[in-house]
């Protein structure tokens, strides 16, 4: 084999290895979209790929963060799957527009269906209002296969850098660009000095008021002269 052919073969095998490794690393349970606005209501889709070549995914368990409970949680039905929603008592009641909540959804379980090898399924949850004062929410998840294997997606993915082997599905809570722009504009408007246009408008208004007062004085003087004559 010629040297050029050997180099091409090695390069192709290396590229294939990198592609397969990247695919394996990215094939985990995720929360989509990965960002949401604090204080908002959001539909979160838990995307579950099947990573095993000879077994089906038969159950998914998603834990909602106990340290940041969410007042309203509702689940979209998935054909072929049974849904179980569990609640837990809160150490500190959660204040809402309708009063105080003493318990909140702590776990959602989908079971009875199957995700075949090479397939994925999305499980939708509507939740809100999302907490403020925190930059992310982690949803520790357990994926059960028909052969009895259980994969726990419960590791902290961190904020960049190398991703762990089994990262928990995570939503990053960030203010929208429009909100940030509006807040900046409000601060700037409050701190900005009066513009020259505003000064001109006040000057014109003051002159108009002075002219009006002079006119009233002249009219009153004329009326007094007529009565005197």
C-alpha atoms as a PDB file:
ATOM      1  CA  UNK A   1       0.000   0.000   0.000  1.00  0.00           C
ATOM      2  CA  UNK A   2       1.346   3.382  -0.911  1.00  0.00           C
ATOM      3  CA  UNK A   3       2.210   5.846   1.806  1.00  0.00           C
ATOM      4  CA  UNK A   4      -0.515   8.272   0.674  1.00  0.00           C
ATOM      5  CA  UNK A   5      -3.139   5.513   0.837  1.00  0.00           C
ATOM      6  CA  UNK A   6      -2.010   4.521   4.324  1.00  0.00           C
ATOM      7  CA  UNK A   7      -2.252   8.104   5.523  1.00  0.00           C
ATOM      8  CA  UNK A   8      -5.728   8.440   4.039  1.00  0.00           C
ATOM      9  CA  UNK A   9      -6.868   5.192   5.678  1.00  0.00           C
ATOM     10  CA  UNK A  10      -5.549   6.192   9.096  1.00  0.00           C
ATOM     11  CA  UNK A  11      -7.157   9.619   8.794  1.00  0.00           C
ATOM     12  CA  UNK A  12     -10.502   8.080   7.845  1.00  0.00           C
ATOM     13  CA  UNK A  13     -10.414   5.657  10.790  1.00  0.00           C
ATOM     14  CA  UNK A  14      -9.479   8.459  13.161  1.00  0.00           C
ATOM     15  CA  UNK A  15     -12.335  10.594  11.883  1.00  0.00           C
ATOM     16  CA  UNK A  16     -14.785   7.722  12.291  1.00  0.00           C
ATOM     17  CA  UNK A  17     -13.573   7.105  15.848  1.00  0.00           C
ATOM     18  CA  UNK A  18     -13.979  10.772  16.767  1.00  0.00           C
ATOM     19  CA  UNK A  19     -17.477  10.852  15.237  1.00  0.00           C
ATOM     20  CA  UNK A  20     -18.593   7.760  17.132  1.00  0.00           C
ATOM     21  CA  UNK A  21     -17.143   9.088  20.388  1.00  0.00           C
ATOM     22  CA  UNK A  22     -18.872  12.437  19.945  1.00  0.00           C
ATOM     23  CA  UNK A  23     -22.161  10.688  19.198  1.00  0.00           C
ATOM     24  CA  UNK A  24     -21.859   8.513  22.311  1.00  0.00           C
ATOM     25  CA  UNK A  25     -20.995  11.521  24.473  1.00  0.00           C
ATOM     26  CA  UNK A  26     -23.955  13.556  23.239  1.00  0.00           C
ATOM     27  CA  UNK A  27     -26.567  10.781  23.420  1.00  0.00           C
ATOM     28  CA  UNK A  28     -27.903  11.517  26.886  1.00  0.00           C
ATOM     29  CA  UNK A  29     -31.168  12.693  28.427  1.00  0.00           C
ATOM     30  CA  UNK A  30     -31.550  16.447  27.997  1.00  0.00           C
ATOM     31  CA  UNK A  31     -34.010  19.215  28.884  1.00  0.00           C
ATOM     32  CA  UNK A  32     -35.124  21.324  25.931  1.00  0.00           C
ATOM     33  CA  UNK A  33     -34.967  24.226  25.543  1.00  0.00           C
ATOM     34  CA  UNK A  34     -31.834  24.477  27.637  1.00  0.00           C
ATOM     35  CA  UNK A  35     -32.589  28.062  28.692  1.00  0.00           C
ATOM     36  CA  UNK A  36     -35.644  29.794  30.138  1.00  0.00           C
ATOM     37  CA  UNK A  37     -36.532  33.112  31.729  1.00  0.00           C
ATOM     38  CA  UNK A  38     -36.710  33.371  35.535  1.00  0.00           C
ATOM     39  CA  UNK A  39     -40.254  33.880  36.766  1.00  0.00           C
ATOM     40  CA  UNK A  40     -41.788  32.606  33.519  1.00  0.00           C
ATOM     41  CA  UNK A  41     -43.855  29.557  32.608  1.00  0.00           C
ATOM     42  CA  UNK A  42     -42.132  27.174  30.228  1.00  0.00           C
ATOM     43  CA  UNK A  43     -42.743  23.907  28.400  1.00  0.00           C
ATOM     44  CA  UNK A  44     -39.790  21.625  29.017  1.00  0.00           C
ATOM     45  CA  UNK A  45     -39.248  18.542  26.834  1.00  0.00           C
ATOM     46  CA  UNK A  46     -37.159  15.774  28.330  1.00  0.00           C
ATOM     47  CA  UNK A  47     -35.544  14.165  25.281  1.00  0.00           C
ATOM     48  CA  UNK A  48     -34.656  10.520  25.885  1.00  0.00           C
ATOM     49  CA  UNK A  49     -32.550   8.594  23.357  1.00  0.00           C
ATOM     50  CA  UNK A  50     -32.057   4.834  23.615  1.00  0.00           C
ATOM     51  CA  UNK A  51     -28.335   4.149  24.003  1.00  0.00           C
ATOM     52  CA  UNK A  52     -28.436   0.343  24.099  1.00  0.00           C
ATOM     53  CA  UNK A  53     -28.376  -1.760  20.910  1.00  0.00           C
ATOM     54  CA  UNK A  54     -30.421  -4.706  22.226  1.00  0.00           C
ATOM     55  CA  UNK A  55     -32.813  -3.324  24.874  1.00  0.00           C
ATOM     56  CA  UNK A  56     -35.741  -0.910  25.044  1.00  0.00           C
ATOM     57  CA  UNK A  57     -36.109   2.035  27.400  1.00  0.00           C
ATOM     58  CA  UNK A  58     -39.188   1.200  29.464  1.00  0.00           C
ATOM     59  CA  UNK A  59     -39.263   3.798  32.250  1.00  0.00           C
ATOM     60  CA  UNK A  60     -38.153   7.372  32.925  1.00  0.00           C
ATOM     61  CA  UNK A  61     -38.104   9.023  36.362  1.00  0.00           C
ATOM     62  CA  UNK A  62     -37.493  12.760  36.646  1.00  0.00           C
ATOM     63  CA  UNK A  63     -36.905  14.434  40.016  1.00  0.00           C
ATOM     64  CA  UNK A  64     -37.836  18.101  40.299  1.00  0.00           C
ATOM     65  CA  UNK A  65     -35.426  20.210  42.396  1.00  0.00           C
ATOM     66  CA  UNK A  66     -36.532  20.169  46.031  1.00  0.00           C
ATOM     67  CA  UNK A  67     -34.560  23.306  46.903  1.00  0.00           C
ATOM     68  CA  UNK A  68     -36.418  25.329  44.267  1.00  0.00           C
ATOM     69  CA  UNK A  69     -39.998  23.971  44.180  1.00  0.00           C
ATOM     70  CA  UNK A  70     -42.263  24.890  41.276  1.00  0.00           C
ATOM     71  CA  UNK A  71     -45.868  25.802  42.031  1.00  0.00           C
ATOM     72  CA  UNK A  72     -47.567  24.689  38.816  1.00  0.00           C
ATOM     73  CA  UNK A  73     -46.596  21.489  37.011  1.00  0.00           C
ATOM     74  CA  UNK A  74     -48.657  19.710  34.351  1.00  0.00           C
ATOM     75  CA  UNK A  75     -47.741  16.773  32.125  1.00  0.00           C
ATOM     76  CA  UNK A  76     -48.641  16.148  28.481  1.00  0.00           C
ATOM     77  CA  UNK A  77     -49.962  12.606  27.859  1.00  0.00           C
ATOM     78  CA  UNK A  78     -47.734  10.345  25.764  1.00  0.00           C
ATOM     79  CA  UNK A  79     -49.501   7.555  23.844  1.00  0.00           C
ATOM     80  CA  UNK A  80     -48.570   4.151  25.245  1.00  0.00           C
ATOM     81  CA  UNK A  81     -47.083   5.539  28.481  1.00  0.00           C
ATOM     82  CA  UNK A  82     -48.548   5.726  31.987  1.00  0.00           C
ATOM     83  CA  UNK A  83     -47.762   8.821  34.072  1.00  0.00           C
ATOM     84  CA  UNK A  84     -47.338   9.011  37.834  1.00  0.00           C
ATOM     85  CA  UNK A  85     -46.930  12.392  39.531  1.00  0.00           C
ATOM     86  CA  UNK A  86     -45.675  12.473  43.114  1.00  0.00           C
ATOM     87  CA  UNK A  87     -45.772  15.396  45.519  1.00  0.00           C
ATOM     88  CA  UNK A  88     -43.769  16.169  48.638  1.00  0.00           C
ATOM     89  CA  UNK A  89     -44.389  18.472  51.581  1.00  0.00           C
ATOM     90  CA  UNK A  90     -42.343  21.652  51.558  1.00  0.00           C
ATOM     91  CA  UNK A  91     -40.141  22.639  54.472  1.00  0.00           C
ATOM     92  CA  UNK A  92     -41.052  26.254  53.713  1.00  0.00           C
ATOM     93  CA  UNK A  93     -44.480  27.014  52.188  1.00  0.00           C
ATOM     94  CA  UNK A  94     -44.359  28.472  48.693  1.00  0.00           C
ATOM     95  CA  UNK A  95     -46.120  31.809  48.270  1.00  0.00           C
ATOM     96  CA  UNK A  96     -48.266  32.134  45.133  1.00  0.00           C
ATOM     97  CA  UNK A  97     -50.979  34.473  43.849  1.00  0.00           C
ATOM     98  CA  UNK A  98     -53.555  31.980  45.113  1.00  0.00           C
ATOM     99  CA  UNK A  99     -52.072  31.653  48.589  1.00  0.00           C
ATOM    100  CA  UNK A 100     -49.426  29.424  50.151  1.00  0.00           C
ATOM    101  CA  UNK A 101     -48.578  25.945  48.888  1.00  0.00           C
ATOM    102  CA  UNK A 102     -47.466  23.383  51.439  1.00  0.00           C
ATOM    103  CA  UNK A 103     -46.556  20.702  48.858  1.00  0.00           C
ATOM    104  CA  UNK A 104     -45.233  20.600  45.316  1.00  0.00           C
ATOM    105  CA  UNK A 105     -44.492  18.063  42.588  1.00  0.00           C
ATOM    106  CA  UNK A 106     -41.280  16.215  43.434  1.00  0.00           C
ATOM    107  CA  UNK A 107     -41.132  13.396  40.850  1.00  0.00           C
ATOM    108  CA  UNK A 108     -42.690  12.418  37.527  1.00  0.00           C
ATOM    109  CA  UNK A 109     -42.514   8.833  36.254  1.00  0.00           C
ATOM    110  CA  UNK A 110     -43.351   7.578  32.770  1.00  0.00           C
ATOM    111  CA  UNK A 111     -43.671   3.797  32.370  1.00  0.00           C
ATOM    112  CA  UNK A 112     -45.357   1.081  30.311  1.00  0.00           C
ATOM    113  CA  UNK A 113     -44.134   2.285  26.921  1.00  0.00           C
ATOM    114  CA  UNK A 114     -40.916   1.605  25.090  1.00  0.00           C
ATOM    115  CA  UNK A 115     -38.197   3.413  23.201  1.00  0.00           C
ATOM    116  CA  UNK A 116     -36.544   0.987  20.789  1.00  0.00           C
ATOM    117  CA  UNK A 117     -32.824   0.997  19.944  1.00  0.00           C
ATOM    118  CA  UNK A 118     -31.961   3.842  17.588  1.00  0.00           C
ATOM    119  CA  UNK A 119     -35.064   5.837  18.625  1.00  0.00           C
ATOM    120  CA  UNK A 120     -35.844   8.637  21.050  1.00  0.00           C
ATOM    121  CA  UNK A 121     -38.921  10.019  22.770  1.00  0.00           C
ATOM    122  CA  UNK A 122     -39.797  13.422  24.200  1.00  0.00           C
ATOM    123  CA  UNK A 123     -41.768  13.841  27.420  1.00  0.00           C
ATOM    124  CA  UNK A 124     -43.308  17.324  27.799  1.00  0.00           C
ATOM    125  CA  UNK A 125     -43.889  19.108  31.093  1.00  0.00           C
ATOM    126  CA  UNK A 126     -45.342  22.596  31.562  1.00  0.00           C
ATOM    127  CA  UNK A 127     -44.003  24.289  34.675  1.00  0.00           C
ATOM    128  CA  UNK A 128     -43.838  27.656  36.340  1.00  0.00           C
ATOM    129  CA  UNK A 129     -43.303  30.169  37.548  1.00  0.00           C
ATOM    130  CA  UNK A 130     -39.644  29.275  37.332  1.00  0.00           C
ATOM    131  CA  UNK A 131     -37.628  30.437  40.341  1.00  0.00           C
ATOM    132  CA  UNK A 132     -35.728  33.688  40.479  1.00  0.00           C
ATOM    133  CA  UNK A 133     -32.445  34.288  42.228  1.00  0.00           C
ATOM    134  CA  UNK A 134     -30.903  31.107  40.819  1.00  0.00           C
ATOM    135  CA  UNK A 135     -29.109  30.586  37.516  1.00  0.00           C
ATOM    136  CA  UNK A 136     -30.085  26.989  36.709  1.00  0.00           C
ATOM    137  CA  UNK A 137     -32.304  24.026  37.549  1.00  0.00           C
ATOM    138  CA  UNK A 138     -31.090  20.415  37.513  1.00  0.00           C
ATOM    139  CA  UNK A 139     -33.490  17.504  37.031  1.00  0.00           C
ATOM    140  CA  UNK A 140     -31.909  14.261  38.216  1.00  0.00           C
ATOM    141  CA  UNK A 141     -33.213  11.469  36.005  1.00  0.00           C
ATOM    142  CA  UNK A 142     -33.210   7.651  35.973  1.00  0.00           C
ATOM    143  CA  UNK A 143     -33.584   5.747  32.669  1.00  0.00           C
ATOM    144  CA  UNK A 144     -34.586   2.067  32.954  1.00  0.00           C
ATOM    145  CA  UNK A 145     -34.062  -0.531  30.204  1.00  0.00           C
ATOM    146  CA  UNK A 146     -35.931  -3.749  29.484  1.00  0.00           C
ATOM    147  CA  UNK A 147     -32.850  -5.805  30.450  1.00  0.00           C
ATOM    148  CA  UNK A 148     -32.875  -4.322  33.962  1.00  0.00           C
ATOM    149  CA  UNK A 149     -30.124  -1.747  33.447  1.00  0.00           C
ATOM    150  CA  UNK A 150     -30.710   1.645  35.070  1.00  0.00           C
ATOM    151  CA  UNK A 151     -28.750   4.708  33.985  1.00  0.00           C
ATOM    152  CA  UNK A 152     -28.783   7.583  36.467  1.00  0.00           C
ATOM    153  CA  UNK A 153     -28.394  10.963  34.817  1.00  0.00           C
ATOM    154  CA  UNK A 154     -27.608  12.786  38.040  1.00  0.00           C
ATOM    155  CA  UNK A 155     -24.180  14.384  37.760  1.00  0.00           C
ATOM    156  CA  UNK A 156     -23.700  18.132  37.928  1.00  0.00           C
ATOM    157  CA  UNK A 157     -22.873  19.237  34.358  1.00  0.00           C
ATOM    158  CA  UNK A 158     -21.032  22.291  35.655  1.00  0.00           C
ATOM    159  CA  UNK A 159     -20.785  25.597  33.810  1.00  0.00           C
ATOM    160  CA  UNK A 160     -18.550  24.706  30.912  1.00  0.00           C
ATOM    161  CA  UNK A 161     -15.450  22.600  30.653  1.00  0.00           C
ATOM    162  CA  UNK A 162     -15.465  18.840  30.409  1.00  0.00           C
ATOM    163  CA  UNK A 163     -18.902  17.252  30.719  1.00  0.00           C
ATOM    164  CA  UNK A 164     -19.347  14.343  33.157  1.00  0.00           C
ATOM    165  CA  UNK A 165     -20.328  10.880  31.965  1.00  0.00           C
ATOM    166  CA  UNK A 166     -23.939  11.109  33.143  1.00  0.00           C
ATOM    167  CA  UNK A 167     -24.958  14.810  33.308  1.00  0.00           C
ATOM    168  CA  UNK A 168     -28.358  15.666  34.744  1.00  0.00           C
ATOM    169  CA  UNK A 169     -30.777  17.445  32.398  1.00  0.00           C
ATOM    170  CA  UNK A 170     -30.363  21.145  33.159  1.00  0.00           C
ATOM    171  CA  UNK A 171     -32.151  24.401  32.360  1.00  0.00           C
ATOM    172  CA  UNK A 172     -30.179  27.645  32.599  1.00  0.00           C
ATOM    173  CA  UNK A 173     -32.263  30.576  33.819  1.00  0.00           C
ATOM    174  CA  UNK A 174     -31.321  33.788  32.047  1.00  0.00           C
ATOM    175  CA  UNK A 175     -33.027  37.143  31.514  1.00  0.00           C
ATOM    176  CA  UNK A 176     -34.034  37.833  27.925  1.00  0.00           C
ATOM    177  CA  UNK A 177     -32.126  40.386  25.877  1.00  0.00           C
ATOM    178  CA  UNK A 178     -35.187  42.638  25.697  1.00  0.00           C
ATOM    179  CA  UNK A 179     -35.591  42.588  29.485  1.00  0.00           C
ATOM    180  CA  UNK A 180     -31.966  43.511  29.994  1.00  0.00           C
ATOM    181  CA  UNK A 181     -32.247  46.294  27.410  1.00  0.00           C
ATOM    182  CA  UNK A 182     -35.415  47.677  29.018  1.00  0.00           C
ATOM    183  CA  UNK A 183     -33.818  47.626  32.463  1.00  0.00           C
ATOM    184  CA  UNK A 184     -30.754  49.452  31.164  1.00  0.00           C
ATOM    185  CA  UNK A 185     -32.927  52.018  29.417  1.00  0.00           C
ATOM    186  CA  UNK A 186     -34.937  52.664  32.592  1.00  0.00           C
ATOM    187  CA  UNK A 187     -31.788  53.178  34.648  1.00  0.00           C
ATOM    188  CA  UNK A 188     -30.293  55.485  32.011  1.00  0.00           C
ATOM    189  CA  UNK A 189     -33.474  57.528  31.781  1.00  0.00           C
ATOM    190  CA  UNK A 190     -33.632  57.930  35.549  1.00  0.00           C
ATOM    191  CA  UNK A 191     -30.027  59.059  35.809  1.00  0.00           C
ATOM    192  CA  UNK A 192     -29.779  61.163  32.648  1.00  0.00           C
ATOM    193  CA  UNK A 193     -29.682  64.996  32.985  1.00  0.00           C
ATOM    194  CA  UNK A 194     -32.387  67.068  31.370  1.00  0.00           C
ATOM    195  CA  UNK A 195     -31.805  67.488  27.645  1.00  0.00           C
ATOM    196  CA  UNK A 196     -31.583  70.788  25.802  1.00  0.00           C
ATOM    197  CA  UNK A 197     -34.936  70.059  24.153  1.00  0.00           C
ATOM    198  CA  UNK A 198     -36.543  69.751  27.573  1.00  0.00           C
ATOM    199  CA  UNK A 199     -34.936  73.068  28.627  1.00  0.00           C
ATOM    200  CA  UNK A 200     -36.227  74.791  25.509  1.00  0.00           C
ATOM    201  CA  UNK A 201     -39.728  73.456  26.092  1.00  0.00           C
ATOM    202  CA  UNK A 202     -39.734  74.738  29.661  1.00  0.00           C
ATOM    203  CA  UNK A 203     -38.457  78.179  28.487  1.00  0.00           C
ATOM    204  CA  UNK A 204     -41.193  78.471  25.865  1.00  0.00           C
ATOM    205  CA  UNK A 205     -43.801  77.439  28.413  1.00  0.00           C
ATOM    206  CA  UNK A 206     -42.548  80.043  30.873  1.00  0.00           C
ATOM    207  CA  UNK A 207     -42.633  82.824  28.251  1.00  0.00           C
ATOM    208  CA  UNK A 208     -46.165  81.861  27.304  1.00  0.00           C
ATOM    209  CA  UNK A 209     -47.263  82.063  30.921  1.00  0.00           C
ATOM    210  CA  UNK A 210     -45.629  85.497  31.310  1.00  0.00           C
ATOM    211  CA  UNK A 211     -47.357  86.818  28.178  1.00  0.00           C
ATOM    212  CA  UNK A 212     -50.679  85.566  29.498  1.00  0.00           C
ATOM    213  CA  UNK A 213     -50.213  87.353  32.801  1.00  0.00           C
ATOM    214  CA  UNK A 214     -49.315  90.640  31.030  1.00  0.00           C
ATOM    215  CA  UNK A 215     -52.395  90.316  28.842  1.00  0.00           C
ATOM    216  CA  UNK A 216     -54.640  89.868  31.864  1.00  0.00           C
ATOM    217  CA  UNK A 217     -53.104  92.941  33.508  1.00  0.00           C
ATOM    218  CA  UNK A 218     -53.614  95.103  30.398  1.00  0.00           C
ATOM    219  CA  UNK A 219     -57.212  93.953  30.068  1.00  0.00           C
ATOM    220  CA  UNK A 220     -57.966  94.720  33.692  1.00  0.00           C
ATOM    221  CA  UNK A 221     -56.427  98.206  33.348  1.00  0.00           C
ATOM    222  CA  UNK A 222     -58.496  98.956  30.269  1.00  0.00           C
ATOM    223  CA  UNK A 223     -61.694  97.811  31.990  1.00  0.00           C
ATOM    224  CA  UNK A 224     -60.932 100.094  34.961  1.00  0.00           C
ATOM    225  CA  UNK A 225     -60.396 103.124  32.647  1.00  0.00           C
ATOM    226  CA  UNK A 226     -63.723 102.547  30.920  1.00  0.00           C
ATOM    227  CA  UNK A 227     -65.589 102.407  34.191  1.00  0.00           C
ATOM    228  CA  UNK A 228     -63.854 105.565  35.426  1.00  0.00           C
ATOM    229  CA  UNK A 229     -64.841 107.497  32.299  1.00  0.00           C
END
